[in-house]
Amino acid sequence: MILFAAALLLPWCAGAAAPEKGAVPVIFETDMGNDIDDALALDLLYKGMDAGHIRLIGVSLNKRSSTSFEFIDLMNTWYGYPDIPIAYTPRAVDNKDRDYTTPVCELKASDGKPLFKRSRKPGSWEDPVAMYRRLLAAEPDNSVVVVSVGFSGNLAALLASGGDDVSPLTGRELVARKVKYFSVMAGSFGVKKRAEYNVINDIPAARKFFAECPSPIVLTPFEIGKQVVYPGRSIAEDFGWAEHHPMVEAYKAYHEMPYDRPTWDVIATYYVLPHEPSSLTLSIPGRITVDEQGFIFFTPDKAGQHRYITASDRQAGMILGYFLRALPERPLRYMR
């Protein structure tokens, strides 16, 4: 292992620990609705936009759920970014896990109207591959960071896409030219062999993505998310400034309060925002592969473009401290 600070010498990691000139364009690839950490991760991205560190240029949904699309729209609207494009396809992974987006979308104000405003009409989503190609083609080369915290179907479809009116480049060529790196929550490297959730729900797509992705990948594995647990006490006590907060309502709807929750997706998001370099440890370069059962493997390789992050107990405490400061903070629009 080498300390994360050493990664600052690598051009494709140079934007992870300190803001570059101008805001970094980011696309958020999510299975919003399956676990509450997606909602916390999205909050962190809005805070990054408020601070001028990133531009969230698109959100891509890889879970089959129209209420997840609606929830992302109301989050965009509530945080003050209603124009962020949202991509979704009814062909996405269909799983029946616990869902917090539906109860939040169904909340009503005292006048009977939806508690949280929307900016988009139902069904007004963009196709994920079309959105990726449009957004990537419009950005400078080697500039876009993709935070992927769900299934790999949309990314695999992007890699398989051909040239079109937006760009003559194939999907792989477009990713190679435009994407600086992917920050991905997936897999497990623990002592106990585990086929991790984001992988096993679409194994063929995960295998294709890790095998064919031409851009660097930084992996947030299962274990580090379990090390950094967000306390339900913070949800109950630290958001009193907001009468109604969609992320808080989602957290309360996901499980019976109070409960604490691992921060898998939040850490993958934390990686792309300015943070204390010593709070993470980055592995040596290598290659990540996925087998037919959904188990993930890391093979050291000096020429490899894949790395994964770990944290000591001290580092985990630093990350949690960041979350406890950043997540309860008022969004910029509510400071005015």
Protein backbone atom coordinates (compact mmCIF):
# COMPACT_ATOMS: atom_id res chain seq x y z
CA MET A 1 0.00 0.00 0.00
CA ILE A 2 1.03 3.61 -0.51
CA LEU A 3 -0.43 6.66 1.16
CA PHE A 4 -3.07 8.54 -0.80
CA ALA A 5 -0.89 11.65 -0.72
CA ALA A 6 1.49 9.93 -3.10
CA ALA A 7 -1.35 9.72 -5.60
CA LEU A 8 -1.13 13.47 -6.03
CA LEU A 9 1.82 12.77 -8.29
CA LEU A 10 -0.47 10.96 -10.69
CA PRO A 11 -2.17 13.21 -13.24
CA TRP A 12 -5.46 11.32 -13.14
CA CYS A 13 -5.71 11.69 -9.35
CA ALA A 14 -4.55 15.28 -9.17
CA GLY A 15 -8.07 16.63 -8.73
CA ALA A 16 -9.06 14.34 -5.88
CA ALA A 17 -7.46 16.08 -2.92
CA ALA A 18 -7.47 19.72 -4.01
CA PRO A 19 -9.70 21.75 -6.32
CA GLU A 20 -8.35 22.41 -9.77
CA LYS A 21 -8.72 25.62 -11.72
CA GLY A 22 -12.45 25.76 -12.31
CA ALA A 23 -15.10 23.36 -11.14
CA VAL A 24 -14.65 19.69 -12.06
CA PRO A 25 -17.52 18.28 -14.18
CA VAL A 26 -19.08 15.26 -12.44
CA ILE A 27 -21.70 12.70 -13.48
CA PHE A 28 -23.44 10.73 -10.71
CA GLU A 29 -24.39 7.13 -11.61
CA THR A 30 -26.78 5.83 -8.95
CA ASP A 31 -29.27 3.14 -7.92
CA MET A 32 -31.12 5.72 -5.82
CA GLY A 33 -33.72 4.11 -3.58
CA ASN A 34 -31.93 0.88 -2.70
CA ASP A 35 -29.81 2.20 0.17
CA ILE A 36 -29.91 5.56 1.87
CA ASP A 37 -26.21 6.24 1.27
CA ASP A 38 -27.05 7.29 -2.31
CA ALA A 39 -29.11 10.18 -0.95
CA LEU A 40 -26.32 11.24 1.41
CA ALA A 41 -23.83 11.05 -1.46
CA LEU A 42 -26.03 13.27 -3.62
CA ASP A 43 -26.24 15.80 -0.78
CA LEU A 44 -22.45 15.87 -0.66
CA LEU A 45 -22.30 16.58 -4.40
CA TYR A 46 -24.66 19.52 -4.02
CA LYS A 47 -22.41 20.87 -1.26
CA GLY A 48 -19.46 20.50 -3.65
CA MET A 49 -21.35 22.59 -6.20
CA ASP A 50 -22.25 25.19 -3.60
CA ALA A 51 -18.54 25.54 -2.81
CA GLY A 52 -17.58 25.84 -6.48
CA HIS A 53 -15.46 22.69 -6.49
CA ILE A 54 -17.56 20.66 -8.95
CA ARG A 55 -20.29 20.97 -11.55
CA LEU A 56 -22.81 18.16 -11.32
CA ILE A 57 -23.58 17.97 -15.03
CA GLY A 58 -25.87 14.93 -14.91
CA VAL A 59 -27.43 12.18 -12.79
CA SER A 60 -27.93 8.73 -14.31
CA LEU A 61 -30.29 6.23 -12.68
CA ASN A 62 -29.58 2.50 -13.05
CA LYS A 63 -32.46 1.14 -10.93
CA ARG A 64 -35.88 0.49 -12.49
CA SER A 65 -38.01 2.91 -10.50
CA SER A 66 -39.93 5.95 -11.72
CA THR A 67 -40.19 7.23 -8.13
CA SER A 68 -36.39 7.16 -7.90
CA PHE A 69 -36.35 9.49 -10.91
CA GLU A 70 -38.95 11.67 -9.21
CA PHE A 71 -36.96 11.69 -5.96
CA ILE A 72 -33.78 12.83 -7.74
CA ASP A 73 -35.80 15.60 -9.39
CA LEU A 74 -37.20 16.86 -6.09
CA MET A 75 -33.71 16.70 -4.55
CA ASN A 76 -32.29 18.74 -7.44
CA THR A 77 -35.12 21.23 -7.02
CA TRP A 78 -34.90 21.52 -3.22
CA TYR A 79 -31.14 22.07 -3.27
CA GLY A 80 -31.45 24.76 -5.93
CA TYR A 81 -30.26 22.88 -9.03
CA PRO A 82 -33.48 22.03 -10.92
CA ASP A 83 -31.84 22.00 -14.36
CA ILE A 84 -29.43 19.11 -13.75
CA PRO A 85 -30.25 16.47 -16.40
CA ILE A 86 -31.56 13.11 -15.16
CA ALA A 87 -31.25 9.94 -17.24
CA TYR A 88 -33.28 6.79 -16.75
CA THR A 89 -34.37 3.75 -18.71
CA PRO A 90 -37.20 1.33 -17.86
CA ARG A 91 -34.76 -1.38 -18.98
CA ALA A 92 -32.66 -0.80 -15.85
CA VAL A 93 -32.13 -3.40 -13.13
CA ASP A 94 -35.42 -4.31 -11.44
CA ASN A 95 -34.92 -5.23 -7.80
CA LYS A 96 -37.46 -5.16 -5.00
CA ASP A 97 -35.35 -4.03 -2.08
CA ARG A 98 -36.56 -1.57 0.53
CA ASP A 99 -37.44 1.74 -1.12
CA TYR A 100 -37.47 5.17 0.51
CA THR A 101 -38.18 7.23 -2.59
CA THR A 102 -41.88 6.36 -2.82
CA PRO A 103 -42.85 7.50 0.71
CA VAL A 104 -40.92 10.75 0.27
CA CYS A 105 -42.53 11.42 -3.10
CA GLU A 106 -45.96 10.80 -1.54
CA LEU A 107 -45.53 13.33 1.29
CA LYS A 108 -48.12 16.12 1.21
CA ALA A 109 -48.15 19.64 2.59
CA SER A 110 -51.07 20.92 4.69
CA ASP A 111 -52.79 22.17 1.52
CA GLY A 112 -52.68 18.70 -0.03
CA LYS A 113 -50.00 19.58 -2.57
CA PRO A 114 -46.70 17.65 -2.76
CA LEU A 115 -44.46 18.58 0.16
CA PHE A 116 -41.42 18.89 -2.11
CA LYS A 117 -41.61 20.69 -5.45
CA ARG A 118 -40.66 19.01 -8.72
CA SER A 119 -39.19 20.56 -11.85
CA ARG A 120 -39.78 17.78 -14.37
CA LYS A 121 -42.90 16.09 -15.65
CA PRO A 122 -43.29 12.35 -14.94
CA GLY A 123 -41.60 10.33 -17.66
CA SER A 124 -39.53 13.26 -18.94
CA TRP A 125 -36.24 11.44 -18.56
CA GLU A 126 -33.36 11.19 -21.00
CA ASP A 127 -31.85 7.91 -22.15
CA PRO A 128 -28.66 7.23 -20.13
CA VAL A 129 -26.40 6.48 -23.10
CA ALA A 130 -27.69 9.51 -25.00
CA MET A 131 -27.12 11.74 -21.97
CA TYR A 132 -23.61 10.44 -21.35
CA ARG A 133 -22.61 10.91 -24.96
CA ARG A 134 -24.08 14.42 -25.09
CA LEU A 135 -22.48 15.54 -21.83
CA LEU A 136 -19.08 13.97 -22.46
CA ALA A 137 -18.82 15.37 -25.97
CA ALA A 138 -19.41 18.89 -24.65
CA GLU A 139 -16.66 18.79 -21.99
CA PRO A 140 -12.89 19.29 -22.37
CA ASP A 141 -10.72 16.22 -22.84
CA ASN A 142 -9.67 14.35 -19.68
CA SER A 143 -11.91 16.48 -17.47
CA VAL A 144 -15.01 14.53 -16.42
CA VAL A 145 -15.21 12.45 -13.24
CA VAL A 146 -17.92 9.78 -13.00
CA VAL A 147 -19.05 8.71 -9.53
CA SER A 148 -20.67 5.29 -9.93
CA VAL A 149 -22.41 3.95 -6.82
CA GLY A 150 -24.87 1.45 -8.25
CA PHE A 151 -25.13 -1.10 -11.02
CA SER A 152 -22.99 -1.01 -14.17
CA GLY A 153 -25.65 -1.40 -16.86
CA ASN A 154 -25.60 2.18 -18.09
CA LEU A 155 -21.81 2.31 -18.14
CA ALA A 156 -21.56 -0.98 -20.03
CA ALA A 157 -24.11 0.29 -22.55
CA LEU A 158 -22.13 3.50 -22.96
CA LEU A 159 -18.94 1.56 -23.71
CA ALA A 160 -20.83 -0.51 -26.29
CA SER A 161 -22.32 2.51 -28.07
CA GLY A 162 -21.32 3.57 -31.54
CA GLY A 163 -20.77 6.96 -33.08
CA ASP A 164 -23.78 9.22 -33.62
CA ASP A 165 -24.78 12.79 -34.44
CA VAL A 166 -23.30 13.98 -31.13
CA SER A 167 -19.87 12.45 -31.72
CA PRO A 168 -18.34 10.14 -34.30
CA LEU A 169 -16.41 8.42 -31.49
CA THR A 170 -17.50 5.07 -30.12
CA GLY A 171 -18.43 4.89 -26.47
CA ARG A 172 -15.03 3.52 -25.49
CA GLU A 173 -13.26 6.20 -27.49
CA LEU A 174 -15.41 8.94 -25.98
CA VAL A 175 -14.79 7.70 -22.43
CA ALA A 176 -11.05 7.40 -23.09
CA ARG A 177 -10.90 10.97 -24.36
CA LYS A 178 -13.21 12.70 -21.89
CA VAL A 179 -13.31 10.80 -18.57
CA LYS A 180 -10.45 11.56 -16.20
CA TYR A 181 -11.38 8.69 -13.88
CA PHE A 182 -14.26 6.76 -12.35
CA SER A 183 -14.84 6.67 -8.59
CA VAL A 184 -16.75 3.42 -8.13
CA MET A 185 -18.38 1.79 -5.11
CA ALA A 186 -18.33 -1.94 -5.74
CA GLY A 187 -16.80 -5.21 -4.65
CA SER A 188 -15.23 -6.59 -1.52
CA PHE A 189 -11.66 -7.42 -0.56
CA GLY A 190 -12.35 -8.62 2.98
CA VAL A 191 -11.25 -11.83 4.65
CA LYS A 192 -14.77 -13.17 4.17
CA LYS A 193 -15.44 -13.80 0.49
CA ARG A 194 -18.38 -11.64 -0.56
CA ALA A 195 -20.12 -11.06 -3.88
CA GLU A 196 -21.04 -7.41 -3.34
CA TYR A 197 -24.53 -6.02 -4.02
CA ASN A 198 -23.69 -3.55 -6.80
CA VAL A 199 -21.91 -6.30 -8.73
CA ILE A 200 -24.24 -9.29 -8.32
CA ASN A 201 -27.33 -7.39 -9.46
CA ASP A 202 -25.85 -7.06 -12.96
CA ILE A 203 -22.80 -9.31 -13.22
CA PRO A 204 -22.45 -9.20 -17.05
CA ALA A 205 -22.43 -5.40 -17.01
CA ALA A 206 -19.91 -5.24 -14.16
CA ARG A 207 -17.61 -7.69 -15.93
CA LYS A 208 -17.78 -5.67 -19.15
CA PHE A 209 -17.20 -2.35 -17.41
CA PHE A 210 -14.12 -3.41 -15.45
CA ALA A 211 -12.68 -5.36 -18.39
CA GLU A 212 -13.21 -2.72 -21.08
CA CYS A 213 -13.16 0.67 -19.35
CA PRO A 214 -10.30 2.67 -20.92
CA SER A 215 -10.10 5.24 -18.11
CA PRO A 216 -8.67 4.85 -14.60
CA ILE A 217 -10.90 3.45 -11.85
CA VAL A 218 -10.64 4.15 -8.12
CA LEU A 219 -12.67 1.60 -6.18
CA THR A 220 -14.42 2.09 -2.84
CA PRO A 221 -14.86 -1.50 -1.60
CA PHE A 222 -17.44 -2.81 0.86
CA GLU A 223 -15.10 -2.87 3.86
CA ILE A 224 -14.31 0.84 4.08
CA GLY A 225 -18.00 1.74 4.00
CA LYS A 226 -18.55 -0.46 7.05
CA GLN A 227 -15.73 1.34 8.85
CA VAL A 228 -17.34 4.77 8.51
CA VAL A 229 -20.87 4.66 9.92
CA TYR A 230 -23.08 7.74 9.86
CA PRO A 231 -24.98 8.15 13.14
CA GLY A 232 -28.76 8.38 13.15
CA ARG A 233 -28.32 10.78 16.06
CA SER A 234 -27.02 13.36 13.58
CA ILE A 235 -30.09 12.95 11.37
CA ALA A 236 -32.33 13.44 14.41
CA GLU A 237 -30.47 16.39 15.93
CA ASP A 238 -28.38 18.28 13.36
CA PHE A 239 -30.92 19.26 10.70
CA GLY A 240 -33.33 21.30 12.82
CA TRP A 241 -32.74 24.37 10.65
CA ALA A 242 -34.97 22.80 7.96
CA GLU A 243 -38.68 22.28 8.62
CA HIS A 244 -38.79 19.69 5.85
CA HIS A 245 -35.60 18.19 4.40
CA PRO A 246 -35.90 15.54 1.63
CA MET A 247 -32.71 13.69 2.57
CA VAL A 248 -33.76 13.56 6.22
CA GLU A 249 -37.24 12.34 5.28
CA ALA A 250 -35.65 9.66 3.09
CA TYR A 251 -33.36 8.54 5.93
CA LYS A 252 -36.34 8.26 8.28
CA ALA A 253 -38.33 6.30 5.68
CA TYR A 254 -35.56 3.79 4.97
CA HIS A 255 -35.48 2.19 8.44
CA GLU A 256 -37.08 2.77 11.80
CA MET A 257 -35.23 5.54 13.61
CA PRO A 258 -32.81 5.83 15.19
CA TYR A 259 -30.30 3.77 13.22
CA ASP A 260 -26.73 4.20 12.00
CA ARG A 261 -25.73 3.42 8.42
CA PRO A 262 -22.47 2.60 6.56
CA THR A 263 -21.32 5.24 4.09
CA TRP A 264 -20.20 3.22 1.06
CA ASP A 265 -21.46 5.62 -1.62
CA VAL A 266 -20.67 8.71 0.42
CA ILE A 267 -16.99 7.71 0.55
CA ALA A 268 -16.85 7.20 -3.23
CA THR A 269 -18.21 10.75 -3.51
CA TYR A 270 -15.87 12.11 -0.83
CA TYR A 271 -12.92 10.90 -2.91
CA VAL A 272 -13.70 13.30 -5.77
CA LEU A 273 -14.14 16.35 -3.52
CA PRO A 274 -11.36 18.38 -1.88
CA HIS A 275 -10.38 16.59 1.34
CA GLU A 276 -7.46 15.94 3.64
CA PRO A 277 -5.06 13.72 1.61
CA SER A 278 -3.96 11.78 4.68
CA SER A 279 -7.53 10.61 5.35
CA LEU A 280 -7.32 7.81 2.77
CA THR A 281 -4.84 5.18 1.64
CA LEU A 282 -4.63 4.28 -2.03
CA SER A 283 -3.48 0.88 -3.22
CA ILE A 284 -0.70 0.23 -5.69
CA PRO A 285 -1.80 0.08 -9.36
CA GLY A 286 -3.40 -3.10 -10.61
CA ARG A 287 -6.24 -4.72 -12.52
CA ILE A 288 -9.71 -5.44 -11.16
CA THR A 289 -11.60 -8.40 -12.59
CA VAL A 290 -15.05 -9.84 -11.91
CA ASP A 291 -15.79 -13.57 -12.17
CA GLU A 292 -19.02 -15.22 -13.30
CA GLN A 293 -20.33 -15.41 -9.72
CA GLY A 294 -19.82 -11.69 -9.10
CA PHE A 295 -16.71 -11.95 -6.95
CA ILE A 296 -14.15 -9.22 -7.54
CA PHE A 297 -10.36 -9.62 -7.61
CA PHE A 298 -7.41 -7.23 -7.61
CA THR A 299 -4.13 -8.19 -9.30
CA PRO A 300 -1.15 -5.84 -8.77
CA ASP A 301 0.20 -4.52 -12.07
CA LYS A 302 2.48 -1.51 -12.49
CA ALA A 303 0.77 -0.77 -15.79
CA GLY A 304 -2.73 -1.21 -14.35
CA GLN A 305 -5.24 1.63 -14.23
CA HIS A 306 -7.19 0.37 -11.22
CA ARG A 307 -6.69 1.19 -7.54
CA TYR A 308 -8.79 0.85 -4.42
CA ILE A 309 -8.98 2.83 -1.21
CA THR A 310 -8.66 1.72 2.40
CA ALA A 311 -8.62 3.51 5.74
CA SER A 312 -7.16 2.89 9.17
CA ASP A 313 -9.33 3.54 12.22
CA ARG A 314 -7.75 6.98 12.51
CA GLN A 315 -8.48 7.75 8.88
CA ALA A 316 -12.05 6.47 9.22
CA GLY A 317 -12.51 8.93 12.07
CA MET A 318 -11.27 11.77 9.87
CA ILE A 319 -13.72 10.84 7.11
CA LEU A 320 -16.64 10.61 9.55
CA GLY A 321 -15.71 14.00 10.96
CA TYR A 322 -15.91 15.45 7.45
CA PHE A 323 -19.37 13.95 6.94
CA LEU A 324 -20.62 15.21 10.30
CA ARG A 325 -19.58 18.72 9.30
CA ALA A 326 -20.64 18.70 5.65
CA LEU A 327 -23.95 16.84 5.55
CA PRO A 328 -25.86 18.90 8.17
CA GLU A 329 -24.61 22.14 6.63
CA ARG A 330 -27.25 24.34 5.04
CA PRO A 331 -27.23 24.32 1.23
CA LEU A 332 -26.19 27.65 -0.24
CA ARG A 333 -29.73 28.63 -1.25
CA TYR A 334 -30.87 28.42 2.39
CA MET A 335 -28.06 30.65 3.68
CA ARG A 336 -29.32 33.72 1.85
